[in-house]
PDB file of N, CA and C in Angstrom:
ATOM      1  N   UNK A   1      95.574 158.034 105.842  1.00  0.00           N
ATOM      2  CA  UNK A   1      95.005 156.892 106.545  1.00  0.00           C
ATOM      3  C   UNK A   1      95.564 155.610 105.898  1.00  0.00           C
ATOM      4  N   UNK A   2      95.916 154.689 106.752  1.00  0.00           N
ATOM      5  CA  UNK A   2      96.491 153.409 106.273  1.00  0.00           C
ATOM      6  C   UNK A   2      95.428 152.390 106.047  1.00  0.00           C
ATOM      7  N   UNK A   3      95.731 151.466 105.152  1.00  0.00           N
ATOM      8  CA  UNK A   3      94.827 150.366 104.848  1.00  0.00           C
ATOM      9  C   UNK A   3      94.868 149.389 106.062  1.00  0.00           C
ATOM     10  N   UNK A   4      93.696 149.073 106.612  1.00  0.00           N
ATOM     11  CA  UNK A   4      93.689 148.202 107.838  1.00  0.00           C
ATOM     12  C   UNK A   4      94.093 146.751 107.505  1.00  0.00           C
ATOM     13  N   UNK A   5      93.938 146.343 106.285  1.00  0.00           N
ATOM     14  CA  UNK A   5      94.349 144.981 105.854  1.00  0.00           C
ATOM     15  C   UNK A   5      95.527 145.043 104.953  1.00  0.00           C
ATOM     16  N   UNK A   6      96.692 144.714 105.423  1.00  0.00           N
ATOM     17  CA  UNK A   6      97.897 144.760 104.593  1.00  0.00           C
ATOM     18  C   UNK A   6      97.782 143.744 103.452  1.00  0.00           C
ATOM     19  N   UNK A   7      98.267 144.119 102.313  1.00  0.00           N
ATOM     20  CA  UNK A   7      98.260 143.258 101.112  1.00  0.00           C
ATOM     21  C   UNK A   7      99.518 142.454 101.036  1.00  0.00           C
ATOM     22  N   UNK A   8      99.385 141.165 100.967  1.00  0.00           N
ATOM     23  CA  UNK A   8     100.536 140.302 100.781  1.00  0.00           C
ATOM     24  C   UNK A   8     100.558 139.764  99.377  1.00  0.00           C
ATOM     25  N   UNK A   9     101.684 139.746  98.783  1.00  0.00           N
ATOM     26  CA  UNK A   9     101.811 139.092  97.450  1.00  0.00           C
ATOM     27  C   UNK A   9     102.714 137.957  97.566  1.00  0.00           C
ATOM     28  N   UNK A  10     102.529 137.032  96.694  1.00  0.00           N
ATOM     29  CA  UNK A  10     103.370 135.841  96.686  1.00  0.00           C
ATOM     30  C   UNK A  10     104.035 135.746  95.297  1.00  0.00           C
ATOM     31  N   UNK A  11     105.245 135.294  95.328  1.00  0.00           N
ATOM     32  CA  UNK A  11     105.944 135.073  94.039  1.00  0.00           C
ATOM     33  C   UNK A  11     105.986 133.562  93.853  1.00  0.00           C
ATOM     34  N   UNK A  12     105.150 133.044  92.972  1.00  0.00           N
ATOM     35  CA  UNK A  12     105.106 131.617  92.704  1.00  0.00           C
ATOM     36  C   UNK A  12     105.862 131.270  91.449  1.00  0.00           C
ATOM     37  N   UNK A  13     106.655 132.119  90.938  1.00  0.00           N
ATOM     38  CA  UNK A  13     107.351 131.884  89.712  1.00  0.00           C
ATOM     39  C   UNK A  13     108.360 130.727  89.944  1.00  0.00           C
ATOM     40  N   UNK A  14     108.288 129.743  89.060  1.00  0.00           N
ATOM     41  CA  UNK A  14     109.222 128.595  89.178  1.00  0.00           C
ATOM     42  C   UNK A  14     108.809 127.515  90.085  1.00  0.00           C
ATOM     43  N   UNK A  15     107.602 127.646  90.702  1.00  0.00           N
ATOM     44  CA  UNK A  15     107.110 126.604  91.568  1.00  0.00           C
ATOM     45  C   UNK A  15     106.428 125.449  90.770  1.00  0.00           C
ATOM     46  N   UNK A  16     106.771 124.276  91.075  1.00  0.00           N
ATOM     47  CA  UNK A  16     106.205 123.115  90.374  1.00  0.00           C
ATOM     48  C   UNK A  16     105.118 122.505  91.265  1.00  0.00           C
ATOM     49  N   UNK A  17     103.893 122.530  90.709  1.00  0.00           N
ATOM     50  CA  UNK A  17     102.760 121.939  91.383  1.00  0.00           C
ATOM     51  C   UNK A  17     102.345 120.676  90.617  1.00  0.00           C
ATOM     52  N   UNK A  18     102.502 119.496  91.145  1.00  0.00           N
ATOM     53  CA  UNK A  18     102.197 118.314  90.405  1.00  0.00           C
ATOM     54  C   UNK A  18     100.696 118.119  90.187  1.00  0.00           C
ATOM     55  N   UNK A  19     100.362 117.412  89.111  1.00  0.00           N
ATOM     56  CA  UNK A  19      98.981 117.111  88.848  1.00  0.00           C
ATOM     57  C   UNK A  19      98.441 116.223  89.982  1.00  0.00           C
ATOM     58  N   UNK A  20      97.285 116.583  90.491  1.00  0.00           N
ATOM     59  CA  UNK A  20      96.727 115.859  91.617  1.00  0.00           C
ATOM     60  C   UNK A  20      96.155 114.499  91.205  1.00  0.00           C
ATOM     61  N   UNK A  21      95.525 114.424  90.088  1.00  0.00           N
ATOM     62  CA  UNK A  21      94.883 113.209  89.695  1.00  0.00           C
ATOM     63  C   UNK A  21      95.375 112.789  88.302  1.00  0.00           C
ATOM     64  N   UNK A  22      95.583 111.533  88.095  1.00  0.00           N
ATOM     65  CA  UNK A  22      95.933 111.002  86.800  1.00  0.00           C
ATOM     66  C   UNK A  22      94.848 110.052  86.335  1.00  0.00           C
ATOM     67  N   UNK A  23      94.285 110.352  85.135  1.00  0.00           N
ATOM     68  CA  UNK A  23      93.275 109.496  84.559  1.00  0.00           C
ATOM     69  C   UNK A  23      94.013 108.266  84.027  1.00  0.00           C
ATOM     70  N   UNK A  24      93.932 107.174  84.795  1.00  0.00           N
ATOM     71  CA  UNK A  24      94.784 106.032  84.471  1.00  0.00           C
ATOM     72  C   UNK A  24      94.394 105.370  83.170  1.00  0.00           C
ATOM     73  N   UNK A  25      93.124 105.425  82.802  1.00  0.00           N
ATOM     74  CA  UNK A  25      92.685 104.815  81.519  1.00  0.00           C
ATOM     75  C   UNK A  25      93.273 105.545  80.329  1.00  0.00           C
ATOM     76  N   UNK A  26      93.282 106.887  80.438  1.00  0.00           N
ATOM     77  CA  UNK A  26      93.859 107.704  79.354  1.00  0.00           C
ATOM     78  C   UNK A  26      95.372 107.529  79.289  1.00  0.00           C
ATOM     79  N   UNK A  27      95.989 107.444  80.449  1.00  0.00           N
ATOM     80  CA  UNK A  27      97.428 107.237  80.494  1.00  0.00           C
ATOM     81  C   UNK A  27      97.792 105.900  79.870  1.00  0.00           C
ATOM     82  N   UNK A  28      97.028 104.850  80.218  1.00  0.00           N
ATOM     83  CA  UNK A  28      97.259 103.525  79.627  1.00  0.00           C
ATOM     84  C   UNK A  28      97.139 103.526  78.150  1.00  0.00           C
ATOM     85  N   UNK A  29      96.160 104.297  77.597  1.00  0.00           N
ATOM     86  CA  UNK A  29      96.010 104.373  76.181  1.00  0.00           C
ATOM     87  C   UNK A  29      97.275 104.980  75.536  1.00  0.00           C
ATOM     88  N   UNK A  30      97.811 106.057  76.109  1.00  0.00           N
ATOM     89  CA  UNK A  30      99.014 106.690  75.624  1.00  0.00           C
ATOM     90  C   UNK A  30     100.180 105.716  75.711  1.00  0.00           C
ATOM     91  N   UNK A  31     100.291 104.984  76.747  1.00  0.00           N
ATOM     92  CA  UNK A  31     101.396 104.015  76.879  1.00  0.00           C
ATOM     93  C   UNK A  31     101.281 102.956  75.820  1.00  0.00           C
ATOM     94  N   UNK A  32     100.093 102.380  75.655  1.00  0.00           N
ATOM     95  CA  UNK A  32      99.894 101.351  74.604  1.00  0.00           C
ATOM     96  C   UNK A  32     100.309 101.862  73.234  1.00  0.00           C
ATOM     97  N   UNK A  33      99.928 103.117  72.934  1.00  0.00           N
ATOM     98  CA  UNK A  33     100.247 103.716  71.616  1.00  0.00           C
ATOM     99  C   UNK A  33     101.767 103.867  71.473  1.00  0.00           C
ATOM    100  N   UNK A  34     102.441 104.326  72.575  1.00  0.00           N
ATOM    101  CA  UNK A  34     103.882 104.470  72.540  1.00  0.00           C
ATOM    102  C   UNK A  34     104.650 103.145  72.380  1.00  0.00           C
ATOM    103  N   UNK A  35     104.081 102.066  72.917  1.00  0.00           N
ATOM    104  CA  UNK A  35     104.727 100.766  72.857  1.00  0.00           C
ATOM    105  C   UNK A  35     104.852 100.271  71.440  1.00  0.00           C
ATOM    106  N   UNK A  36     104.005 100.717  70.520  1.00  0.00           N
ATOM    107  CA  UNK A  36     104.126 100.259  69.148  1.00  0.00           C
ATOM    108  C   UNK A  36     105.333 100.841  68.459  1.00  0.00           C
ATOM    109  N   UNK A  37     105.874 101.867  69.059  1.00  0.00           N
ATOM    110  CA  UNK A  37     107.095 102.491  68.485  1.00  0.00           C
ATOM    111  C   UNK A  37     108.407 101.983  69.000  1.00  0.00           C
ATOM    112  N   UNK A  38     108.365 101.067  70.018  1.00  0.00           N
ATOM    113  CA  UNK A  38     109.608 100.723  70.753  1.00  0.00           C
ATOM    114  C   UNK A  38     110.556  99.799  70.004  1.00  0.00           C
ATOM    115  N   UNK A  39     110.096  98.992  69.082  1.00  0.00           N
ATOM    116  CA  UNK A  39     110.991  98.142  68.354  1.00  0.00           C
ATOM    117  C   UNK A  39     111.020  96.690  68.818  1.00  0.00           C
ATOM    118  N   UNK A  40     111.765  95.902  68.051  1.00  0.00           N
ATOM    119  CA  UNK A  40     111.778  94.432  68.238  1.00  0.00           C
ATOM    120  C   UNK A  40     112.612  94.056  69.496  1.00  0.00           C
ATOM    121  N   UNK A  41     113.338  94.940  70.116  1.00  0.00           N
ATOM    122  CA  UNK A  41     114.123  94.563  71.281  1.00  0.00           C
ATOM    123  C   UNK A  41     113.251  94.383  72.570  1.00  0.00           C
ATOM    124  N   UNK A  42     112.076  94.949  72.582  1.00  0.00           N
ATOM    125  CA  UNK A  42     111.204  95.017  73.755  1.00  0.00           C
ATOM    126  C   UNK A  42     110.229  93.819  73.805  1.00  0.00           C
ATOM    127  N   UNK A  43     110.319  93.078  74.898  1.00  0.00           N
ATOM    128  CA  UNK A  43     109.365  91.975  75.136  1.00  0.00           C
ATOM    129  C   UNK A  43     108.116  92.551  75.771  1.00  0.00           C
ATOM    130  N   UNK A  44     108.268  93.328  76.839  1.00  0.00           N
ATOM    131  CA  UNK A  44     107.116  93.755  77.621  1.00  0.00           C
ATOM    132  C   UNK A  44     107.436  95.049  78.274  1.00  0.00           C
ATOM    133  N   UNK A  45     106.412  95.843  78.506  1.00  0.00           N
ATOM    134  CA  UNK A  45     106.482  97.076  79.271  1.00  0.00           C
ATOM    135  C   UNK A  45     105.424  97.067  80.358  1.00  0.00           C
ATOM    136  N   UNK A  46     105.854  97.191  81.588  1.00  0.00           N
ATOM    137  CA  UNK A  46     104.919  97.318  82.698  1.00  0.00           C
ATOM    138  C   UNK A  46     105.212  98.684  83.423  1.00  0.00           C
ATOM    139  N   UNK A  47     104.304  99.145  84.151  1.00  0.00           N
ATOM    140  CA  UNK A  47     104.555 100.392  84.858  1.00  0.00           C
ATOM    141  C   UNK A  47     103.673 100.446  86.143  1.00  0.00           C
ATOM    142  N   UNK A  48     104.102 101.341  87.009  1.00  0.00           N
ATOM    143  CA  UNK A  48     103.400 101.608  88.250  1.00  0.00           C
ATOM    144  C   UNK A  48     103.459 103.051  88.554  1.00  0.00           C
ATOM    145  N   UNK A  49     102.398 103.558  89.064  1.00  0.00           N
ATOM    146  CA  UNK A  49     102.361 104.974  89.487  1.00  0.00           C
ATOM    147  C   UNK A  49     102.476 105.025  91.027  1.00  0.00           C
ATOM    148  N   UNK A  50     103.350 105.848  91.528  1.00  0.00           N
ATOM    149  CA  UNK A  50     103.587 105.997  92.929  1.00  0.00           C
ATOM    150  C   UNK A  50     104.391 107.182  93.277  1.00  0.00           C
ATOM    151  N   UNK A  51     104.990 107.214  94.456  1.00  0.00           N
ATOM    152  CA  UNK A  51     105.867 108.276  94.827  1.00  0.00           C
ATOM    153  C   UNK A  51     107.309 107.789  94.803  1.00  0.00           C
ATOM    154  N   UNK A  52     108.226 108.655  94.425  1.00  0.00           N
ATOM    155  CA  UNK A  52     109.611 108.335  94.456  1.00  0.00           C
ATOM    156  C   UNK A  52     110.171 108.592  95.859  1.00  0.00           C
ATOM    157  N   UNK A  53     111.432 108.485  96.065  1.00  0.00           N
ATOM    158  CA  UNK A  53     112.009 108.616  97.434  1.00  0.00           C
ATOM    159  C   UNK A  53     111.865 109.997  98.002  1.00  0.00           C
ATOM    160  N   UNK A  54     111.561 110.990  97.167  1.00  0.00           N
ATOM    161  CA  UNK A  54     111.380 112.376  97.627  1.00  0.00           C
ATOM    162  C   UNK A  54     109.894 112.671  97.886  1.00  0.00           C
ATOM    163  N   UNK A  55     108.981 111.702  97.591  1.00  0.00           N
ATOM    164  CA  UNK A  55     107.584 111.955  97.731  1.00  0.00           C
ATOM    165  C   UNK A  55     106.905 112.528  96.482  1.00  0.00           C
ATOM    166  N   UNK A  56     107.669 112.699  95.402  1.00  0.00           N
ATOM    167  CA  UNK A  56     107.072 113.205  94.173  1.00  0.00           C
ATOM    168  C   UNK A  56     106.302 112.170  93.422  1.00  0.00           C
ATOM    169  N   UNK A  57     105.202 112.600  92.840  1.00  0.00           N
ATOM    170  CA  UNK A  57     104.428 111.667  91.987  1.00  0.00           C
ATOM    171  C   UNK A  57     105.272 111.194  90.839  1.00  0.00           C
ATOM    172  N   UNK A  58     105.311 109.857  90.637  1.00  0.00           N
ATOM    173  CA  UNK A  58     106.199 109.319  89.628  1.00  0.00           C
ATOM    174  C   UNK A  58     105.564 108.150  88.903  1.00  0.00           C
ATOM    175  N   UNK A  59     106.137 107.846  87.777  1.00  0.00           N
ATOM    176  CA  UNK A  59     105.785 106.593  87.023  1.00  0.00           C
ATOM    177  C   UNK A  59     107.036 105.802  86.839  1.00  0.00           C
ATOM    178  N   UNK A  60     106.928 104.542  87.239  1.00  0.00           N
ATOM    179  CA  UNK A  60     108.094 103.625  87.245  1.00  0.00           C
ATOM    180  C   UNK A  60     107.852 102.603  86.100  1.00  0.00           C
ATOM    181  N   UNK A  61     108.622 102.728  85.046  1.00  0.00           N
ATOM    182  CA  UNK A  61     108.510 101.781  83.961  1.00  0.00           C
ATOM    183  C   UNK A  61     109.441 100.593  84.230  1.00  0.00           C
ATOM    184  N   UNK A  62     109.013  99.407  83.914  1.00  0.00           N
ATOM    185  CA  UNK A  62     109.812  98.204  83.978  1.00  0.00           C
ATOM    186  C   UNK A  62     109.701  97.553  82.627  1.00  0.00           C
ATOM    187  N   UNK A  63     110.809  97.532  81.965  1.00  0.00           N
ATOM    188  CA  UNK A  63     110.892  97.167  80.547  1.00  0.00           C
ATOM    189  C   UNK A  63     111.765  95.868  80.453  1.00  0.00           C
ATOM    190  N   UNK A  64     111.124  94.848  79.884  1.00  0.00           N
ATOM    191  CA  UNK A  64     111.849  93.585  79.637  1.00  0.00           C
ATOM    192  C   UNK A  64     112.298  93.555  78.189  1.00  0.00           C
ATOM    193  N   UNK A  65     113.604  93.248  78.043  1.00  0.00           N
ATOM    194  CA  UNK A  65     114.220  93.232  76.697  1.00  0.00           C
ATOM    195  C   UNK A  65     114.616  91.818  76.346  1.00  0.00           C
ATOM    196  N   UNK A  66     114.569  91.561  75.030  1.00  0.00           N
ATOM    197  CA  UNK A  66     115.148  90.240  74.579  1.00  0.00           C
ATOM    198  C   UNK A  66     116.645  90.207  74.991  1.00  0.00           C
ATOM    199  N   UNK A  67     117.111  89.035  75.282  1.00  0.00           N
ATOM    200  CA  UNK A  67     118.489  88.857  75.723  1.00  0.00           C
ATOM    201  C   UNK A  67     119.527  89.484  74.737  1.00  0.00           C
ATOM    202  N   UNK A  68     119.340  89.354  73.489  1.00  0.00           N
ATOM    203  CA  UNK A  68     120.304  89.918  72.524  1.00  0.00           C
ATOM    204  C   UNK A  68     120.371  91.429  72.603  1.00  0.00           C
ATOM    205  N   UNK A  69     119.280  92.059  73.105  1.00  0.00           N
ATOM    206  CA  UNK A  69     119.263  93.545  73.241  1.00  0.00           C
ATOM    207  C   UNK A  69     119.977  94.017  74.543  1.00  0.00           C
ATOM    208  N   UNK A  70     120.377  93.055  75.370  1.00  0.00           N
ATOM    209  CA  UNK A  70     121.096  93.482  76.591  1.00  0.00           C
ATOM    210  C   UNK A  70     122.602  93.177  76.446  1.00  0.00           C
ATOM    211  N   UNK A  71     123.034  92.828  75.288  1.00  0.00           N
ATOM    212  CA  UNK A  71     124.461  92.601  75.106  1.00  0.00           C
ATOM    213  C   UNK A  71     125.236  93.905  75.345  1.00  0.00           C
ATOM    214  N   UNK A  72     126.433  93.746  75.869  1.00  0.00           N
ATOM    215  CA  UNK A  72     127.233  94.907  76.289  1.00  0.00           C
ATOM    216  C   UNK A  72     127.399  95.948  75.169  1.00  0.00           C
ATOM    217  N   UNK A  73     127.558  95.501  73.914  1.00  0.00           N
ATOM    218  CA  UNK A  73     127.776  96.413  72.815  1.00  0.00           C
ATOM    219  C   UNK A  73     126.523  97.170  72.308  1.00  0.00           C
ATOM    220  N   UNK A  74     125.331  96.764  72.793  1.00  0.00           N
ATOM    221  CA  UNK A  74     124.115  97.501  72.293  1.00  0.00           C
ATOM    222  C   UNK A  74     123.149  97.985  73.439  1.00  0.00           C
ATOM    223  N   UNK A  75     123.417  97.589  74.665  1.00  0.00           N
ATOM    224  CA  UNK A  75     122.432  97.882  75.697  1.00  0.00           C
ATOM    225  C   UNK A  75     122.236  99.401  75.973  1.00  0.00           C
ATOM    226  N   UNK A  76     123.335 100.125  75.902  1.00  0.00           N
ATOM    227  CA  UNK A  76     123.190 101.570  76.183  1.00  0.00           C
ATOM    228  C   UNK A  76     122.356 102.259  75.106  1.00  0.00           C
ATOM    229  N   UNK A  77     122.622 101.879  73.821  1.00  0.00           N
ATOM    230  CA  UNK A  77     121.764 102.407  72.754  1.00  0.00           C
ATOM    231  C   UNK A  77     120.313 102.039  72.844  1.00  0.00           C
ATOM    232  N   UNK A  78     120.072 100.729  73.171  1.00  0.00           N
ATOM    233  CA  UNK A  78     118.699 100.245  73.210  1.00  0.00           C
ATOM    234  C   UNK A  78     117.948 100.896  74.371  1.00  0.00           C
ATOM    235  N   UNK A  79     118.525 100.937  75.546  1.00  0.00           N
ATOM    236  CA  UNK A  79     117.809 101.486  76.692  1.00  0.00           C
ATOM    237  C   UNK A  79     117.642 103.014  76.546  1.00  0.00           C
ATOM    238  N   UNK A  80     118.599 103.691  75.985  1.00  0.00           N
ATOM    239  CA  UNK A  80     118.459 105.137  75.711  1.00  0.00           C
ATOM    240  C   UNK A  80     117.341 105.431  74.743  1.00  0.00           C
ATOM    241  N   UNK A  81     117.302 104.596  73.633  1.00  0.00           N
ATOM    242  CA  UNK A  81     116.250 104.835  72.641  1.00  0.00           C
ATOM    243  C   UNK A  81     114.896 104.527  73.197  1.00  0.00           C
ATOM    244  N   UNK A  82     114.723 103.416  73.942  1.00  0.00           N
ATOM    245  CA  UNK A  82     113.387 103.023  74.500  1.00  0.00           C
ATOM    246  C   UNK A  82     112.922 104.101  75.520  1.00  0.00           C
ATOM    247  N   UNK A  83     113.814 104.547  76.419  1.00  0.00           N
ATOM    248  CA  UNK A  83     113.449 105.576  77.374  1.00  0.00           C
ATOM    249  C   UNK A  83     113.018 106.854  76.660  1.00  0.00           C
ATOM    250  N   UNK A  84     113.805 107.251  75.640  1.00  0.00           N
ATOM    251  CA  UNK A  84     113.470 108.470  74.936  1.00  0.00           C
ATOM    252  C   UNK A  84     112.157 108.363  74.217  1.00  0.00           C
ATOM    253  N   UNK A  85     111.842 107.275  73.591  1.00  0.00           N
ATOM    254  CA  UNK A  85     110.585 107.077  72.957  1.00  0.00           C
ATOM    255  C   UNK A  85     109.409 107.237  73.959  1.00  0.00           C
ATOM    256  N   UNK A  86     109.486 106.528  75.079  1.00  0.00           N
ATOM    257  CA  UNK A  86     108.418 106.547  76.082  1.00  0.00           C
ATOM    258  C   UNK A  86     108.318 107.984  76.643  1.00  0.00           C
ATOM    259  N   UNK A  87     109.470 108.601  76.899  1.00  0.00           N
ATOM    260  CA  UNK A  87     109.438 109.982  77.440  1.00  0.00           C
ATOM    261  C   UNK A  87     108.826 110.984  76.445  1.00  0.00           C
ATOM    262  N   UNK A  88     109.283 110.909  75.197  1.00  0.00           N
ATOM    263  CA  UNK A  88     108.762 111.860  74.178  1.00  0.00           C
ATOM    264  C   UNK A  88     107.334 111.637  73.845  1.00  0.00           C
ATOM    265  N   UNK A  89     106.867 110.401  73.742  1.00  0.00           N
ATOM    266  CA  UNK A  89     105.476 110.119  73.290  1.00  0.00           C
ATOM    267  C   UNK A  89     104.473 110.267  74.405  1.00  0.00           C
ATOM    268  N   UNK A  90     104.866 109.965  75.712  1.00  0.00           N
ATOM    269  CA  UNK A  90     103.920 110.050  76.736  1.00  0.00           C
ATOM    270  C   UNK A  90     104.005 111.425  77.445  1.00  0.00           C
ATOM    271  N   UNK A  91     105.210 112.017  77.468  1.00  0.00           N
ATOM    272  CA  UNK A  91     105.421 113.267  78.167  1.00  0.00           C
ATOM    273  C   UNK A  91     104.889 113.245  79.604  1.00  0.00           C
ATOM    274  N   UNK A  92     105.466 112.333  80.393  1.00  0.00           N
ATOM    275  CA  UNK A  92     104.908 112.052  81.722  1.00  0.00           C
ATOM    276  C   UNK A  92     104.909 113.279  82.659  1.00  0.00           C
ATOM    277  N   UNK A  93     105.932 114.065  82.549  1.00  0.00           N
ATOM    278  CA  UNK A  93     105.993 115.266  83.452  1.00  0.00           C
ATOM    279  C   UNK A  93     105.086 116.345  83.001  1.00  0.00           C
ATOM    280  N   UNK A  94     105.153 116.661  81.729  1.00  0.00           N
ATOM    281  CA  UNK A  94     104.383 117.770  81.178  1.00  0.00           C
ATOM    282  C   UNK A  94     102.914 117.430  81.160  1.00  0.00           C
ATOM    283  N   UNK A  95     102.466 116.247  80.760  1.00  0.00           N
ATOM    284  CA  UNK A  95     101.111 115.865  80.584  1.00  0.00           C
ATOM    285  C   UNK A  95     100.421 115.331  81.831  1.00  0.00           C
ATOM    286  N   UNK A  96     101.203 114.687  82.683  1.00  0.00           N
ATOM    287  CA  UNK A  96     100.599 113.951  83.788  1.00  0.00           C
ATOM    288  C   UNK A  96     101.172 114.349  85.148  1.00  0.00           C
ATOM    289  N   UNK A  97     102.175 115.178  85.196  1.00  0.00           N
ATOM    290  CA  UNK A  97     102.805 115.574  86.489  1.00  0.00           C
ATOM    291  C   UNK A  97     103.561 114.429  87.145  1.00  0.00           C
ATOM    292  N   UNK A  98     104.048 113.451  86.348  1.00  0.00           N
ATOM    293  CA  UNK A  98     104.726 112.295  86.905  1.00  0.00           C
ATOM    294  C   UNK A  98     106.169 112.286  86.463  1.00  0.00           C
ATOM    295  N   UNK A  99     107.088 112.113  87.395  1.00  0.00           N
ATOM    296  CA  UNK A  99     108.501 111.980  87.111  1.00  0.00           C
ATOM    297  C   UNK A  99     108.702 110.583  86.607  1.00  0.00           C
ATOM    298  N   UNK A 100     109.378 110.420  85.476  1.00  0.00           N
ATOM    299  CA  UNK A 100     109.582 109.046  84.903  1.00  0.00           C
ATOM    300  C   UNK A 100     110.838 108.413  85.408  1.00  0.00           C
ATOM    301  N   UNK A 101     110.795 107.087  85.686  1.00  0.00           N
ATOM    302  CA  UNK A 101     111.904 106.273  85.985  1.00  0.00           C
ATOM    303  C   UNK A 101     111.851 105.034  85.132  1.00  0.00           C
ATOM    304  N   UNK A 102     113.025 104.586  84.613  1.00  0.00           N
ATOM    305  CA  UNK A 102     113.073 103.497  83.681  1.00  0.00           C
ATOM    306  C   UNK A 102     114.004 102.410  84.215  1.00  0.00           C
ATOM    307  N   UNK A 103     113.480 101.191  84.324  1.00  0.00           N
ATOM    308  CA  UNK A 103     114.278 100.048  84.779  1.00  0.00           C
ATOM    309  C   UNK A 103     114.156  98.990  83.657  1.00  0.00           C
ATOM    310  N   UNK A 104     115.306  98.347  83.440  1.00  0.00           N
ATOM    311  CA  UNK A 104     115.356  97.358  82.363  1.00  0.00           C
ATOM    312  C   UNK A 104     115.851  96.007  82.921  1.00  0.00           C
ATOM    313  N   UNK A 105     115.411  94.934  82.339  1.00  0.00           N
ATOM    314  CA  UNK A 105     115.947  93.601  82.607  1.00  0.00           C
ATOM    315  C   UNK A 105     115.823  92.766  81.381  1.00  0.00           C
ATOM    316  N   UNK A 106     116.611  91.733  81.368  1.00  0.00           N
ATOM    317  CA  UNK A 106     116.538  90.775  80.205  1.00  0.00           C
ATOM    318  C   UNK A 106     115.425  89.742  80.387  1.00  0.00           C
ATOM    319  N   UNK A 107     115.067  89.182  79.262  1.00  0.00           N
ATOM    320  CA  UNK A 107     114.015  88.135  79.270  1.00  0.00           C
ATOM    321  C   UNK A 107     114.455  86.947  80.089  1.00  0.00           C
ATOM    322  N   UNK A 108     115.705  86.539  79.974  1.00  0.00           N
ATOM    323  CA  UNK A 108     116.223  85.421  80.776  1.00  0.00           C
ATOM    324  C   UNK A 108     116.264  85.682  82.217  1.00  0.00           C
ATOM    325  N   UNK A 109     116.581  86.911  82.621  1.00  0.00           N
ATOM    326  CA  UNK A 109     116.566  87.304  84.000  1.00  0.00           C
ATOM    327  C   UNK A 109     115.165  87.198  84.611  1.00  0.00           C
ATOM    328  N   UNK A 110     114.146  87.655  83.833  1.00  0.00           N
ATOM    329  CA  UNK A 110     112.747  87.542  84.311  1.00  0.00           C
ATOM    330  C   UNK A 110     112.359  86.104  84.420  1.00  0.00           C
ATOM    331  N   UNK A 111     112.847  85.211  83.517  1.00  0.00           N
ATOM    332  CA  UNK A 111     112.508  83.772  83.563  1.00  0.00           C
ATOM    333  C   UNK A 111     113.194  83.117  84.781  1.00  0.00           C
ATOM    334  N   UNK A 112     114.433  83.554  85.066  1.00  0.00           N
ATOM    335  CA  UNK A 112     115.170  82.970  86.155  1.00  0.00           C
ATOM    336  C   UNK A 112     114.703  83.444  87.535  1.00  0.00           C
ATOM    337  N   UNK A 113     114.408  84.764  87.588  1.00  0.00           N
ATOM    338  CA  UNK A 113     113.964  85.322  88.839  1.00  0.00           C
ATOM    339  C   UNK A 113     112.612  86.101  88.588  1.00  0.00           C
ATOM    340  N   UNK A 114     111.510  85.332  88.434  1.00  0.00           N
ATOM    341  CA  UNK A 114     110.244  85.960  88.089  1.00  0.00           C
ATOM    342  C   UNK A 114     109.832  87.020  89.138  1.00  0.00           C
ATOM    343  N   UNK A 115     109.376  88.052  88.670  1.00  0.00           N
ATOM    344  CA  UNK A 115     108.907  89.140  89.535  1.00  0.00           C
ATOM    345  C   UNK A 115     107.563  89.600  89.022  1.00  0.00           C
ATOM    346  N   UNK A 116     106.517  89.433  89.755  1.00  0.00           N
ATOM    347  CA  UNK A 116     105.156  89.827  89.273  1.00  0.00           C
ATOM    348  C   UNK A 116     105.010  91.282  88.933  1.00  0.00           C
ATOM    349  N   UNK A 117     105.879  92.178  89.490  1.00  0.00           N
ATOM    350  CA  UNK A 117     105.818  93.585  89.130  1.00  0.00           C
ATOM    351  C   UNK A 117     106.264  93.845  87.684  1.00  0.00           C
ATOM    352  N   UNK A 118     106.937  92.860  87.102  1.00  0.00           N
ATOM    353  CA  UNK A 118     107.450  93.001  85.733  1.00  0.00           C
ATOM    354  C   UNK A 118     106.463  92.377  84.677  1.00  0.00           C
ATOM    355  N   UNK A 119     105.410  91.835  85.127  1.00  0.00           N
ATOM    356  CA  UNK A 119     104.398  91.203  84.240  1.00  0.00           C
ATOM    357  C   UNK A 119     103.344  92.152  83.881  1.00  0.00           C
TER     358      UNK A 119
END
């Protein structure tokens, strides 16, 4: 006799299911703690939680650097180090289900072209 209800199995191996809710107060605490490790190059760190162009839950960091930290001979090292510190200390993907994005601008650029999203 055959089973009247066929059994279906699913293989969910390797499927990424993003965190549905982010406790923003807890996330803000982690970001504030990480900011103390960033160094003298950083003037300000702002962020926004939203969706990226693919619809994935994301965190968009906007980091303002002192002008001297955006000089051609140091900017790659500075931005790499700052992004790594934020990524390692906050662990946005692992802890919050958020893809991280990092944008940088100089202090003088923010003064010349003020953008409220960077404050």
